[in-house]
Amino acid sequence: MGLSDDEHEALTQLLCGPAHAFDATGPALASHLFFLFAADPAFATEHLLPLFRADATAPLFWPPYLRHPRYNDKLLAAGFLDSIIAEWARLDSLRVNELQNQFFGLVISIVSFAGIAPESRQTLLDQSVLAADGAHEAEFAQAVVYFLRADGVDGAEVWKRWLRAHLTSRLNGVPRRLNVEELSCWADTVSYLGDGIPEATEMLRNRSIGLGDRFIRPDFPEGALTLYGPVLASHFAERIRNSSPGDYFTVHQVNELIDAMRNTLGDAGVQPLVHAVTTRGFIGGSTDQRRS
């Protein structure tokens, strides 16, 4: 149906008007990009999308949009995908960490769900590693962990669609060498990958991966421990053996991990972790065997 002539004229005048009017109305329009595109794709494509791409206006438009980002394949195809790719180079201008995390979440959602070309998906993922000389690579990997933890996300499908190929590239140092912090975050995705768990753990085995500073014990999806308990126990035991107790938070997370796994696997099932904890000197929580 599109905007009426009066609405089209009023919005165009606001966007082309004095700087103070633009600064006031631009963010409001940016926050409603999805709805304005749905109402009038031609108007949004001509007048709004270029403002997300231009260096002079992008810092004004991205923050309000990222508060509640929405997209569909048509919006991405109209040019918004190119703006998202370009925004990787300006990500430091989003000085609020919450906004950077929102951007990571937007990218992860697109590569996981959107009907974009494989080349575009690869470009988005490569930029997570290349932008700012790799400054965001660990944060992006951690954002993938939080994405996989969310309700309604099928980790096995994410693994098959892009995560397996991306992790393979990262382990091979493509498009740049990965660091220890990023590697630890990728290892944190394993618990959420469904029938991809055995393959992922095998890919990560014998790589001296510790728990890392960002480790939070996994919220195991239903069936993960029942189906892949021994594999996951071996995975986490190896990571504990490659870690030091560090601080109370790390020790607490490790003990919560053991308790969570013990509830399904029993005392015998968590023995590899208990042995690793004892060997590495993790003290401060319950590693005692408990029988019902």
C-alpha atoms as a PDB file:
ATOM      1  CA  MET A   1       0.000   0.000   0.000  1.00  0.00           C
ATOM      2  CA  GLY A   2       2.826   2.403   0.867  1.00  0.00           C
ATOM      3  CA  LEU A   3       2.883   5.768   2.570  1.00  0.00           C
ATOM      4  CA  SER A   4       0.411   8.403   1.515  1.00  0.00           C
ATOM      5  CA  ASP A   5       1.690  11.382  -0.455  1.00  0.00           C
ATOM      6  CA  ASP A   6       1.367  13.586   2.605  1.00  0.00           C
ATOM      7  CA  GLU A   7       3.242  11.118   4.818  1.00  0.00           C
ATOM      8  CA  HIS A   8       5.956  10.675   2.197  1.00  0.00           C
ATOM      9  CA  GLU A   9       6.382  14.444   1.846  1.00  0.00           C
ATOM     10  CA  ALA A  10       6.454  15.034   5.617  1.00  0.00           C
ATOM     11  CA  LEU A  11       9.084  12.383   6.266  1.00  0.00           C
ATOM     12  CA  THR A  12      11.197  13.524   3.339  1.00  0.00           C
ATOM     13  CA  GLN A  13      11.167  17.089   4.629  1.00  0.00           C
ATOM     14  CA  LEU A  14      12.233  15.920   8.076  1.00  0.00           C
ATOM     15  CA  LEU A  15      15.157  13.976   6.626  1.00  0.00           C
ATOM     16  CA  CYS A  16      16.214  16.837   4.360  1.00  0.00           C
ATOM     17  CA  GLY A  17      15.544  19.634   6.832  1.00  0.00           C
ATOM     18  CA  PRO A  18      17.813  21.521   9.235  1.00  0.00           C
ATOM     19  CA  ALA A  19      20.400  19.598  11.228  1.00  0.00           C
ATOM     20  CA  HIS A  20      18.549  19.997  14.527  1.00  0.00           C
ATOM     21  CA  ALA A  21      15.392  18.509  13.015  1.00  0.00           C
ATOM     22  CA  PHE A  22      17.313  15.660  11.406  1.00  0.00           C
ATOM     23  CA  ASP A  23      19.131  14.870  14.659  1.00  0.00           C
ATOM     24  CA  ALA A  24      15.786  14.647  16.443  1.00  0.00           C
ATOM     25  CA  THR A  25      13.778  12.690  13.896  1.00  0.00           C
ATOM     26  CA  GLY A  26      16.482  10.519  12.315  1.00  0.00           C
ATOM     27  CA  PRO A  27      16.898   8.209  15.324  1.00  0.00           C
ATOM     28  CA  ALA A  28      13.128   7.823  15.637  1.00  0.00           C
ATOM     29  CA  LEU A  29      12.889   6.736  12.014  1.00  0.00           C
ATOM     30  CA  ALA A  30      15.892   4.424  12.415  1.00  0.00           C
ATOM     31  CA  SER A  31      14.256   2.645  15.320  1.00  0.00           C
ATOM     32  CA  HIS A  32      11.232   1.946  13.100  1.00  0.00           C
ATOM     33  CA  LEU A  33      13.168   0.875  10.003  1.00  0.00           C
ATOM     34  CA  PHE A  34      11.557  -2.572   9.849  1.00  0.00           C
ATOM     35  CA  PHE A  35       8.026  -1.175  10.010  1.00  0.00           C
ATOM     36  CA  LEU A  36       8.713   1.676   7.589  1.00  0.00           C
ATOM     37  CA  PHE A  37      10.204  -0.770   5.098  1.00  0.00           C
ATOM     38  CA  ALA A  38       7.157  -3.003   5.447  1.00  0.00           C
ATOM     39  CA  ALA A  39       4.872  -0.003   4.904  1.00  0.00           C
ATOM     40  CA  ASP A  40       6.778   1.491   1.973  1.00  0.00           C
ATOM     41  CA  PRO A  41       9.825  -0.412   0.706  1.00  0.00           C
ATOM     42  CA  ALA A  42      10.607   2.181  -1.964  1.00  0.00           C
ATOM     43  CA  PHE A  43      10.689   5.053   0.518  1.00  0.00           C
ATOM     44  CA  ALA A  44      12.803   3.156   3.052  1.00  0.00           C
ATOM     45  CA  THR A  45      15.222   1.944   0.382  1.00  0.00           C
ATOM     46  CA  GLU A  46      15.696   5.406  -1.116  1.00  0.00           C
ATOM     47  CA  HIS A  47      15.700   7.577   1.993  1.00  0.00           C
ATOM     48  CA  LEU A  48      16.602   5.460   5.033  1.00  0.00           C
ATOM     49  CA  LEU A  49      18.939   2.637   4.070  1.00  0.00           C
ATOM     50  CA  PRO A  50      21.673   4.950   2.706  1.00  0.00           C
ATOM     51  CA  LEU A  51      21.789   6.684   6.083  1.00  0.00           C
ATOM     52  CA  PHE A  52      22.836   3.435   7.778  1.00  0.00           C
ATOM     53  CA  ARG A  53      25.743   3.178   5.356  1.00  0.00           C
ATOM     54  CA  ALA A  54      27.080   6.756   5.140  1.00  0.00           C
ATOM     55  CA  ASP A  55      29.895   7.588   7.556  1.00  0.00           C
ATOM     56  CA  ALA A  56      28.293  10.914   8.476  1.00  0.00           C
ATOM     57  CA  THR A  57      24.922   9.477   9.507  1.00  0.00           C
ATOM     58  CA  ALA A  58      25.556   5.850  10.492  1.00  0.00           C
ATOM     59  CA  PRO A  59      26.551   6.727  14.107  1.00  0.00           C
ATOM     60  CA  LEU A  60      23.185   8.448  14.516  1.00  0.00           C
ATOM     61  CA  PHE A  61      21.101   5.663  12.979  1.00  0.00           C
ATOM     62  CA  TRP A  62      22.574   2.415  14.265  1.00  0.00           C
ATOM     63  CA  PRO A  63      22.153   2.845  18.053  1.00  0.00           C
ATOM     64  CA  PRO A  64      18.354   3.317  18.020  1.00  0.00           C
ATOM     65  CA  TYR A  65      17.906   0.521  15.502  1.00  0.00           C
ATOM     66  CA  LEU A  66      19.991  -1.886  17.585  1.00  0.00           C
ATOM     67  CA  ARG A  67      17.842  -1.357  20.676  1.00  0.00           C
ATOM     68  CA  HIS A  68      15.248  -3.644  19.075  1.00  0.00           C
ATOM     69  CA  PRO A  69      16.673  -4.902  15.768  1.00  0.00           C
ATOM     70  CA  ARG A  70      14.345  -6.592  13.302  1.00  0.00           C
ATOM     71  CA  TYR A  71      14.885  -7.667   9.718  1.00  0.00           C
ATOM     72  CA  ASN A  72      13.613  -9.948   7.004  1.00  0.00           C
ATOM     73  CA  ASP A  73      15.095 -11.262   3.793  1.00  0.00           C
ATOM     74  CA  LYS A  74      13.524  -8.495   1.704  1.00  0.00           C
ATOM     75  CA  LEU A  75      15.044  -5.778   3.864  1.00  0.00           C
ATOM     76  CA  LEU A  76      18.457  -7.428   3.702  1.00  0.00           C
ATOM     77  CA  ALA A  77      18.217  -7.793  -0.081  1.00  0.00           C
ATOM     78  CA  ALA A  78      17.221  -4.139  -0.474  1.00  0.00           C
ATOM     79  CA  GLY A  79      20.682  -3.098   0.699  1.00  0.00           C
ATOM     80  CA  PHE A  80      20.568  -3.409   4.454  1.00  0.00           C
ATOM     81  CA  LEU A  81      22.854  -6.435   4.395  1.00  0.00           C
ATOM     82  CA  ASP A  82      25.563  -4.321   2.771  1.00  0.00           C
ATOM     83  CA  SER A  83      25.122  -1.742   5.524  1.00  0.00           C
ATOM     84  CA  ILE A  84      25.520  -4.419   8.196  1.00  0.00           C
ATOM     85  CA  ILE A  85      28.722  -5.662   6.587  1.00  0.00           C
ATOM     86  CA  ALA A  86      30.038  -2.092   6.400  1.00  0.00           C
ATOM     87  CA  GLU A  87      29.162  -1.457  10.062  1.00  0.00           C
ATOM     88  CA  TRP A  88      31.804  -3.949  11.216  1.00  0.00           C
ATOM     89  CA  ALA A  89      34.424  -1.320  10.339  1.00  0.00           C
ATOM     90  CA  ARG A  90      32.677   1.275  12.543  1.00  0.00           C
ATOM     91  CA  LEU A  91      31.813  -0.970  15.461  1.00  0.00           C
ATOM     92  CA  ASP A  92      34.017   0.934  17.876  1.00  0.00           C
ATOM     93  CA  SER A  93      31.668   3.913  17.446  1.00  0.00           C
ATOM     94  CA  LEU A  94      29.048   1.855  19.290  1.00  0.00           C
ATOM     95  CA  ARG A  95      30.763   2.598  22.571  1.00  0.00           C
ATOM     96  CA  VAL A  96      28.093   0.983  24.711  1.00  0.00           C
ATOM     97  CA  ASN A  97      28.911  -2.721  25.066  1.00  0.00           C
ATOM     98  CA  GLU A  98      25.223  -3.550  25.050  1.00  0.00           C
ATOM     99  CA  LEU A  99      24.935  -2.138  21.526  1.00  0.00           C
ATOM    100  CA  GLN A 100      27.946  -4.081  20.296  1.00  0.00           C
ATOM    101  CA  ASN A 101      26.411  -7.238  21.728  1.00  0.00           C
ATOM    102  CA  GLN A 102      23.139  -6.384  20.005  1.00  0.00           C
ATOM    103  CA  PHE A 103      25.047  -6.053  16.734  1.00  0.00           C
ATOM    104  CA  PHE A 104      26.730  -9.424  17.273  1.00  0.00           C
ATOM    105  CA  GLY A 105      23.334 -10.953  17.978  1.00  0.00           C
ATOM    106  CA  LEU A 106      21.929  -9.442  14.788  1.00  0.00           C
ATOM    107  CA  VAL A 107      24.766 -10.890  12.711  1.00  0.00           C
ATOM    108  CA  ILE A 108      24.460 -14.317  14.351  1.00  0.00           C
ATOM    109  CA  SER A 109      20.721 -14.360  13.741  1.00  0.00           C
ATOM    110  CA  ILE A 110      21.222 -13.457  10.076  1.00  0.00           C
ATOM    111  CA  VAL A 111      23.872 -16.091   9.389  1.00  0.00           C
ATOM    112  CA  SER A 112      21.728 -18.673  11.208  1.00  0.00           C
ATOM    113  CA  PHE A 113      18.256 -17.939   9.871  1.00  0.00           C
ATOM    114  CA  ALA A 114      18.244 -15.548   6.909  1.00  0.00           C
ATOM    115  CA  GLY A 115      18.047 -16.666   3.311  1.00  0.00           C
ATOM    116  CA  ILE A 116      21.235 -14.952   2.194  1.00  0.00           C
ATOM    117  CA  ALA A 117      23.840 -16.179  -0.273  1.00  0.00           C
ATOM    118  CA  PRO A 118      26.673 -18.323   1.124  1.00  0.00           C
ATOM    119  CA  GLU A 119      29.142 -15.647   0.007  1.00  0.00           C
ATOM    120  CA  SER A 120      27.348 -12.997   2.074  1.00  0.00           C
ATOM    121  CA  ARG A 121      27.239 -15.300   5.095  1.00  0.00           C
ATOM    122  CA  GLN A 122      30.970 -15.877   4.756  1.00  0.00           C
ATOM    123  CA  THR A 123      31.675 -12.150   4.482  1.00  0.00           C
ATOM    124  CA  LEU A 124      29.712 -11.439   7.666  1.00  0.00           C
ATOM    125  CA  LEU A 125      31.603 -14.139   9.547  1.00  0.00           C
ATOM    126  CA  ASP A 126      34.995 -13.127   8.177  1.00  0.00           C
ATOM    127  CA  GLN A 127      34.435  -9.578   9.353  1.00  0.00           C
ATOM    128  CA  SER A 128      33.853 -10.827  12.896  1.00  0.00           C
ATOM    129  CA  VAL A 129      37.501 -11.859  12.802  1.00  0.00           C
ATOM    130  CA  LEU A 130      39.049  -9.185  10.580  1.00  0.00           C
ATOM    131  CA  ALA A 131      37.361  -6.025  11.884  1.00  0.00           C
ATOM    132  CA  ALA A 132      39.552  -3.837  14.087  1.00  0.00           C
ATOM    133  CA  ASP A 133      42.445  -6.301  13.702  1.00  0.00           C
ATOM    134  CA  GLY A 134      40.564  -9.027  15.523  1.00  0.00           C
ATOM    135  CA  ALA A 135      39.427  -6.928  18.469  1.00  0.00           C
ATOM    136  CA  HIS A 136      35.928  -8.452  18.401  1.00  0.00           C
ATOM    137  CA  GLU A 137      36.676 -12.102  17.664  1.00  0.00           C
ATOM    138  CA  ALA A 138      36.354 -13.401  21.228  1.00  0.00           C
ATOM    139  CA  GLU A 139      33.318 -11.241  21.979  1.00  0.00           C
ATOM    140  CA  PHE A 140      31.621 -12.542  18.849  1.00  0.00           C
ATOM    141  CA  ALA A 141      32.367 -16.160  19.769  1.00  0.00           C
ATOM    142  CA  GLN A 142      30.971 -15.546  23.251  1.00  0.00           C
ATOM    143  CA  ALA A 143      27.854 -13.986  21.707  1.00  0.00           C
ATOM    144  CA  VAL A 144      27.362 -17.217  19.742  1.00  0.00           C
ATOM    145  CA  VAL A 145      27.344 -19.119  23.047  1.00  0.00           C
ATOM    146  CA  TYR A 146      24.580 -16.879  24.424  1.00  0.00           C
ATOM    147  CA  PHE A 147      22.668 -17.222  21.164  1.00  0.00           C
ATOM    148  CA  LEU A 148      22.810 -21.016  21.388  1.00  0.00           C
ATOM    149  CA  ARG A 149      21.592 -20.914  24.990  1.00  0.00           C
ATOM    150  CA  ALA A 150      18.398 -19.087  23.990  1.00  0.00           C
ATOM    151  CA  ASP A 151      15.057 -20.838  23.816  1.00  0.00           C
ATOM    152  CA  GLY A 152      14.020 -21.972  20.371  1.00  0.00           C
ATOM    153  CA  VAL A 153      17.515 -22.156  18.884  1.00  0.00           C
ATOM    154  CA  ASP A 154      18.416 -25.538  17.386  1.00  0.00           C
ATOM    155  CA  GLY A 155      22.157 -25.804  17.984  1.00  0.00           C
ATOM    156  CA  ALA A 156      22.498 -28.833  15.739  1.00  0.00           C
ATOM    157  CA  GLU A 157      21.071 -26.865  12.808  1.00  0.00           C
ATOM    158  CA  VAL A 158      23.344 -23.893  13.527  1.00  0.00           C
ATOM    159  CA  TRP A 159      26.286 -26.309  13.567  1.00  0.00           C
ATOM    160  CA  LYS A 160      25.346 -27.738  10.203  1.00  0.00           C
ATOM    161  CA  ARG A 161      24.454 -24.427   8.595  1.00  0.00           C
ATOM    162  CA  TRP A 162      27.593 -22.450   9.387  1.00  0.00           C
ATOM    163  CA  LEU A 163      29.285 -23.111  12.710  1.00  0.00           C
ATOM    164  CA  ARG A 164      31.079 -26.309  11.675  1.00  0.00           C
ATOM    165  CA  ALA A 165      32.609 -24.642   8.619  1.00  0.00           C
ATOM    166  CA  HIS A 166      33.460 -21.470  10.536  1.00  0.00           C
ATOM    167  CA  LEU A 167      35.117 -23.355  13.386  1.00  0.00           C
ATOM    168  CA  THR A 168      37.085 -25.412  10.877  1.00  0.00           C
ATOM    169  CA  SER A 169      38.337 -22.206   9.271  1.00  0.00           C
ATOM    170  CA  ARG A 170      39.222 -20.666  12.617  1.00  0.00           C
ATOM    171  CA  LEU A 171      41.140 -23.758  13.714  1.00  0.00           C
ATOM    172  CA  ASN A 172      43.072 -23.507  10.445  1.00  0.00           C
ATOM    173  CA  GLY A 173      43.850 -19.840  11.057  1.00  0.00           C
ATOM    174  CA  VAL A 174      41.475 -18.516   8.390  1.00  0.00           C
ATOM    175  CA  PRO A 175      40.995 -15.629   7.779  1.00  0.00           C
ATOM    176  CA  ARG A 176      43.491 -14.873  10.552  1.00  0.00           C
ATOM    177  CA  ARG A 177      45.115 -16.777  13.370  1.00  0.00           C
ATOM    178  CA  LEU A 178      42.793 -17.266  16.333  1.00  0.00           C
ATOM    179  CA  ASN A 179      43.835 -16.479  19.880  1.00  0.00           C
ATOM    180  CA  VAL A 180      43.412 -18.506  23.065  1.00  0.00           C
ATOM    181  CA  GLU A 181      40.490 -16.436  24.324  1.00  0.00           C
ATOM    182  CA  GLU A 182      38.480 -16.908  21.144  1.00  0.00           C
ATOM    183  CA  LEU A 183      39.264 -20.621  21.072  1.00  0.00           C
ATOM    184  CA  SER A 184      37.971 -21.033  24.632  1.00  0.00           C
ATOM    185  CA  CYS A 185      34.723 -19.324  23.675  1.00  0.00           C
ATOM    186  CA  TRP A 186      34.219 -21.596  20.676  1.00  0.00           C
ATOM    187  CA  ALA A 187      34.763 -24.568  22.974  1.00  0.00           C
ATOM    188  CA  ASP A 188      31.931 -23.203  25.146  1.00  0.00           C
ATOM    189  CA  THR A 189      29.475 -23.789  22.283  1.00  0.00           C
ATOM    190  CA  VAL A 190      29.909 -27.567  22.355  1.00  0.00           C
ATOM    191  CA  SER A 191      27.188 -28.375  24.903  1.00  0.00           C
ATOM    192  CA  TYR A 192      24.498 -26.819  22.713  1.00  0.00           C
ATOM    193  CA  LEU A 193      25.221 -28.536  19.402  1.00  0.00           C
ATOM    194  CA  GLY A 194      22.957 -31.591  19.684  1.00  0.00           C
ATOM    195  CA  ASP A 195      24.086 -34.360  17.401  1.00  0.00           C
ATOM    196  CA  GLY A 196      27.045 -32.182  16.434  1.00  0.00           C
ATOM    197  CA  ILE A 197      28.572 -32.616  19.915  1.00  0.00           C
ATOM    198  CA  PRO A 198      30.752 -35.657  19.084  1.00  0.00           C
ATOM    199  CA  GLU A 199      32.171 -34.051  15.948  1.00  0.00           C
ATOM    200  CA  ALA A 200      32.798 -30.705  17.646  1.00  0.00           C
ATOM    201  CA  THR A 201      34.544 -32.247  20.650  1.00  0.00           C
ATOM    202  CA  GLU A 202      36.734 -34.319  18.359  1.00  0.00           C
ATOM    203  CA  MET A 203      37.718 -31.197  16.397  1.00  0.00           C
ATOM    204  CA  LEU A 204      38.708 -29.436  19.627  1.00  0.00           C
ATOM    205  CA  ARG A 205      40.453 -32.365  21.317  1.00  0.00           C
ATOM    206  CA  ASN A 206      44.185 -32.155  22.108  1.00  0.00           C
ATOM    207  CA  ARG A 207      44.395 -28.414  21.434  1.00  0.00           C
ATOM    208  CA  SER A 208      45.294 -27.378  25.013  1.00  0.00           C
ATOM    209  CA  ILE A 209      42.048 -25.451  25.437  1.00  0.00           C
ATOM    210  CA  GLY A 210      41.418 -24.187  28.954  1.00  0.00           C
ATOM    211  CA  LEU A 211      38.243 -22.793  30.442  1.00  0.00           C
ATOM    212  CA  GLY A 212      39.167 -19.178  29.774  1.00  0.00           C
ATOM    213  CA  ASP A 213      38.187 -16.009  31.604  1.00  0.00           C
ATOM    214  CA  ARG A 214      34.725 -15.956  30.025  1.00  0.00           C
ATOM    215  CA  PHE A 215      33.699 -19.475  31.041  1.00  0.00           C
ATOM    216  CA  ILE A 216      30.232 -19.910  32.527  1.00  0.00           C
ATOM    217  CA  ARG A 217      29.073 -23.433  33.182  1.00  0.00           C
ATOM    218  CA  PRO A 218      26.669 -24.547  30.459  1.00  0.00           C
ATOM    219  CA  ASP A 219      22.935 -24.773  30.849  1.00  0.00           C
ATOM    220  CA  PHE A 220      22.762 -28.209  29.265  1.00  0.00           C
ATOM    221  CA  PRO A 221      19.877 -28.614  26.796  1.00  0.00           C
ATOM    222  CA  GLU A 222      17.479 -31.447  27.399  1.00  0.00           C
ATOM    223  CA  GLY A 223      19.010 -34.736  26.332  1.00  0.00           C
ATOM    224  CA  ALA A 224      22.559 -33.456  25.905  1.00  0.00           C
ATOM    225  CA  LEU A 225      23.959 -35.272  28.926  1.00  0.00           C
ATOM    226  CA  THR A 226      21.785 -38.339  28.461  1.00  0.00           C
ATOM    227  CA  LEU A 227      22.970 -38.820  24.889  1.00  0.00           C
ATOM    228  CA  TYR A 228      26.500 -37.453  25.047  1.00  0.00           C
ATOM    229  CA  GLY A 229      27.440 -37.475  28.743  1.00  0.00           C
ATOM    230  CA  PRO A 230      30.767 -39.348  28.462  1.00  0.00           C
ATOM    231  CA  VAL A 231      31.842 -37.224  25.500  1.00  0.00           C
ATOM    232  CA  LEU A 232      31.056 -34.005  27.356  1.00  0.00           C
ATOM    233  CA  ALA A 233      32.695 -35.261  30.549  1.00  0.00           C
ATOM    234  CA  SER A 234      35.890 -35.977  28.616  1.00  0.00           C
ATOM    235  CA  HIS A 235      35.714 -32.562  26.921  1.00  0.00           C
ATOM    236  CA  PHE A 236      35.375 -30.625  30.155  1.00  0.00           C
ATOM    237  CA  ALA A 237      37.918 -32.748  32.013  1.00  0.00           C
ATOM    238  CA  GLU A 238      40.494 -31.947  29.344  1.00  0.00           C
ATOM    239  CA  ARG A 239      39.721 -28.237  29.596  1.00  0.00           C
ATOM    240  CA  ILE A 240      40.023 -28.308  33.381  1.00  0.00           C
ATOM    241  CA  ARG A 241      43.396 -30.038  33.071  1.00  0.00           C
ATOM    242  CA  ASN A 242      44.487 -27.147  30.859  1.00  0.00           C
ATOM    243  CA  SER A 243      43.322 -24.533  33.383  1.00  0.00           C
ATOM    244  CA  SER A 244      44.398 -23.072  36.700  1.00  0.00           C
ATOM    245  CA  PRO A 245      41.995 -22.367  39.579  1.00  0.00           C
ATOM    246  CA  GLY A 246      42.485 -18.620  39.125  1.00  0.00           C
ATOM    247  CA  ASP A 247      39.789 -17.017  41.264  1.00  0.00           C
ATOM    248  CA  TYR A 248      36.716 -17.979  43.248  1.00  0.00           C
ATOM    249  CA  PHE A 249      34.379 -17.397  40.301  1.00  0.00           C
ATOM    250  CA  THR A 250      36.177 -19.947  38.142  1.00  0.00           C
ATOM    251  CA  VAL A 251      36.238 -22.495  40.957  1.00  0.00           C
ATOM    252  CA  HIS A 252      32.545 -21.900  41.610  1.00  0.00           C
ATOM    253  CA  GLN A 253      31.658 -22.390  37.941  1.00  0.00           C
ATOM    254  CA  VAL A 254      33.649 -25.625  37.796  1.00  0.00           C
ATOM    255  CA  ASN A 255      31.929 -27.014  40.858  1.00  0.00           C
ATOM    256  CA  GLU A 256      28.523 -26.050  39.499  1.00  0.00           C
ATOM    257  CA  LEU A 257      29.475 -27.811  36.261  1.00  0.00           C
ATOM    258  CA  ILE A 258      30.352 -30.997  38.129  1.00  0.00           C
ATOM    259  CA  ASP A 259      27.168 -30.860  40.198  1.00  0.00           C
ATOM    260  CA  ALA A 260      25.015 -30.347  37.089  1.00  0.00           C
ATOM    261  CA  MET A 261      26.641 -33.262  35.293  1.00  0.00           C
ATOM    262  CA  ARG A 262      26.518 -35.490  38.365  1.00  0.00           C
ATOM    263  CA  ASN A 263      22.731 -35.098  38.508  1.00  0.00           C
ATOM    264  CA  THR A 264      22.471 -36.987  35.217  1.00  0.00           C
ATOM    265  CA  LEU A 265      25.659 -39.026  34.989  1.00  0.00           C
ATOM    266  CA  GLY A 266      26.086 -40.027  38.627  1.00  0.00           C
ATOM    267  CA  ASP A 267      29.342 -40.168  40.576  1.00  0.00           C
ATOM    268  CA  ALA A 268      31.027 -42.548  38.181  1.00  0.00           C
ATOM    269  CA  GLY A 269      30.189 -40.357  35.192  1.00  0.00           C
ATOM    270  CA  VAL A 270      31.882 -37.272  36.631  1.00  0.00           C
ATOM    271  CA  GLN A 271      35.033 -39.040  37.806  1.00  0.00           C
ATOM    272  CA  PRO A 272      37.109 -37.643  34.905  1.00  0.00           C
ATOM    273  CA  LEU A 273      36.196 -34.108  36.025  1.00  0.00           C
ATOM    274  CA  VAL A 274      36.769 -34.827  39.719  1.00  0.00           C
ATOM    275  CA  HIS A 275      40.176 -36.256  38.909  1.00  0.00           C
ATOM    276  CA  ALA A 276      41.039 -33.218  36.789  1.00  0.00           C
ATOM    277  CA  VAL A 277      39.894 -30.841  39.525  1.00  0.00           C
ATOM    278  CA  THR A 278      41.982 -32.655  42.112  1.00  0.00           C
ATOM    279  CA  THR A 279      45.027 -32.758  39.880  1.00  0.00           C
ATOM    280  CA  ARG A 280      44.846 -29.051  39.043  1.00  0.00           C
ATOM    281  CA  GLY A 281      44.174 -27.918  42.616  1.00  0.00           C
ATOM    282  CA  PHE A 282      40.671 -26.489  42.233  1.00  0.00           C
ATOM    283  CA  ILE A 283      39.458 -25.924  45.786  1.00  0.00           C
ATOM    284  CA  GLY A 284      36.400 -24.125  47.082  1.00  0.00           C
ATOM    285  CA  GLY A 285      33.354 -26.143  46.099  1.00  0.00           C
ATOM    286  CA  SER A 286      31.839 -29.564  46.280  1.00  0.00           C
ATOM    287  CA  THR A 287      33.728 -32.269  44.442  1.00  0.00           C
ATOM    288  CA  ASP A 288      32.753 -34.904  46.959  1.00  0.00           C
ATOM    289  CA  GLN A 289      30.836 -37.865  45.678  1.00  0.00           C
ATOM    290  CA  ARG A 290      27.221 -37.832  46.763  1.00  0.00           C
ATOM    291  CA  ARG A 291      24.923 -40.766  46.530  1.00  0.00           C
ATOM    292  CA  SER A 292      21.186 -40.701  46.887  1.00  0.00           C
END
